[in-house]
C-alpha atoms as a PDB file:
ATOM      1  CA  MET A   1     -11.474 -15.346  28.457  1.00  0.00           C
ATOM      2  CA  CYS A   2     -11.459 -12.443  26.021  1.00  0.00           C
ATOM      3  CA  GLU A   3     -12.453 -13.155  22.444  1.00  0.00           C
ATOM      4  CA  VAL A   4     -11.288 -10.919  19.645  1.00  0.00           C
ATOM      5  CA  TYR A   5     -13.388 -10.640  16.531  1.00  0.00           C
ATOM      6  CA  MET A   6     -11.745  -9.454  13.361  1.00  0.00           C
ATOM      7  CA  LYS A   7     -13.832  -7.290  11.124  1.00  0.00           C
ATOM      8  CA  THR A   8     -13.671  -8.878   7.695  1.00  0.00           C
ATOM      9  CA  THR A   9     -14.556  -6.971   4.605  1.00  0.00           C
ATOM     10  CA  ILE A  10     -14.584  -8.208   1.070  1.00  0.00           C
ATOM     11  CA  LEU A  11     -11.833  -6.651  -0.992  1.00  0.00           C
ATOM     12  CA  ALA A  12     -12.728  -5.417  -4.430  1.00  0.00           C
ATOM     13  CA  PRO A  13     -10.499  -6.767  -7.191  1.00  0.00           C
ATOM     14  CA  LEU A  14      -7.610  -4.401  -7.842  1.00  0.00           C
ATOM     15  CA  GLU A  15      -8.684  -4.172 -11.471  1.00  0.00           C
ATOM     16  CA  HIS A  16     -11.787  -2.315 -10.247  1.00  0.00           C
ATOM     17  CA  GLU A  17     -10.061  -0.191  -7.584  1.00  0.00           C
ATOM     18  CA  PRO A  18     -10.586   3.522  -8.336  1.00  0.00           C
ATOM     19  CA  ARG A  19      -7.966   4.785  -5.849  1.00  0.00           C
ATOM     20  CA  GLN A  20      -4.363   5.339  -6.908  1.00  0.00           C
ATOM     21  CA  ALA A  21      -2.989   4.147  -3.556  1.00  0.00           C
ATOM     22  CA  LEU A  22      -4.235   1.911  -0.767  1.00  0.00           C
ATOM     23  CA  PRO A  23      -3.684   2.042   2.985  1.00  0.00           C
ATOM     24  CA  THR A  24      -1.063  -0.419   4.201  1.00  0.00           C
ATOM     25  CA  ASN A  25      -3.648  -2.692   5.832  1.00  0.00           C
ATOM     26  CA  GLU A  26      -5.630  -3.091   2.602  1.00  0.00           C
ATOM     27  CA  ALA A  27      -2.538  -3.572   0.446  1.00  0.00           C
ATOM     28  CA  ALA A  28      -1.295  -6.244   2.853  1.00  0.00           C
ATOM     29  CA  ARG A  29      -4.585  -8.117   2.603  1.00  0.00           C
ATOM     30  CA  HIS A  30      -4.392  -8.107  -1.197  1.00  0.00           C
ATOM     31  CA  LEU A  31      -0.874  -9.548  -0.976  1.00  0.00           C
ATOM     32  CA  SER A  32      -1.747 -11.991   1.838  1.00  0.00           C
ATOM     33  CA  LEU A  33       0.933 -10.417   4.010  1.00  0.00           C
ATOM     34  CA  LYS A  34       1.009  -8.791   7.415  1.00  0.00           C
ATOM     35  CA  PRO A  35       0.945  -4.974   7.403  1.00  0.00           C
ATOM     36  CA  GLN A  36       4.228  -5.015   9.351  1.00  0.00           C
ATOM     37  CA  THR A  37       5.871  -6.759   6.389  1.00  0.00           C
ATOM     38  CA  LEU A  38       4.893  -3.961   4.023  1.00  0.00           C
ATOM     39  CA  ARG A  39       6.050  -1.355   6.517  1.00  0.00           C
ATOM     40  CA  ALA A  40       9.438  -3.095   6.716  1.00  0.00           C
ATOM     41  CA  TRP A  41       9.668  -3.223   2.921  1.00  0.00           C
ATOM     42  CA  ALA A  42       8.954   0.509   2.753  1.00  0.00           C
ATOM     43  CA  HIS A  43      12.377   1.132   4.272  1.00  0.00           C
ATOM     44  CA  TYR A  44      13.989  -0.108   1.053  1.00  0.00           C
ATOM     45  CA  TRP A  45      13.406   1.802  -2.179  1.00  0.00           C
ATOM     46  CA  PRO A  46      14.480   0.481  -5.572  1.00  0.00           C
ATOM     47  CA  VAL A  47      16.788   2.998  -7.225  1.00  0.00           C
ATOM     48  CA  GLY A  48      14.965   2.572 -10.545  1.00  0.00           C
ATOM     49  CA  GLU A  49      11.659   3.486  -8.904  1.00  0.00           C
ATOM     50  CA  LEU A  50      13.169   6.590  -7.299  1.00  0.00           C
ATOM     51  CA  LEU A  51      14.504   7.680 -10.675  1.00  0.00           C
ATOM     52  CA  ARG A  52      11.101   7.094 -12.282  1.00  0.00           C
ATOM     53  CA  VAL A  53       9.319   9.206  -9.666  1.00  0.00           C
ATOM     54  CA  LEU A  54      11.855  11.989  -9.941  1.00  0.00           C
ATOM     55  CA  GLN A  55      11.583  12.020 -13.731  1.00  0.00           C
ATOM     56  CA  GLU A  56       7.785  12.069 -13.677  1.00  0.00           C
ATOM     57  CA  GLY A  57       7.553  14.468 -10.753  1.00  0.00           C
ATOM     58  CA  SER A  58       3.948  13.365 -10.138  1.00  0.00           C
ATOM     59  CA  ALA A  59       4.334  11.917  -6.649  1.00  0.00           C
ATOM     60  CA  VAL A  60       6.410  14.844  -5.427  1.00  0.00           C
ATOM     61  CA  ALA A  61       3.995  17.431  -6.848  1.00  0.00           C
ATOM     62  CA  ALA A  62       0.975  15.633  -5.379  1.00  0.00           C
ATOM     63  CA  GLY A  63       2.575  15.319  -1.936  1.00  0.00           C
ATOM     64  CA  GLY A  64       2.811  11.526  -2.038  1.00  0.00           C
ATOM     65  CA  ALA A  65       0.145   8.956  -1.281  1.00  0.00           C
ATOM     66  CA  GLU A  66      -0.471   9.864   2.352  1.00  0.00           C
END
């Protein structure tokens, strides 16, 4: 029988997170969701958010989060 051990790390509160973006796996843990759920959600973009990004230009100029 093969046993799988999950590496558990303590997540810092988001209020103390210095990064502007998190990897999908970490974001999913904060939201108590599976990473696959976040990946599926990424296929749908709110129009208002797209407009905000285009108006600010910050994400496009920085090359995005990843």
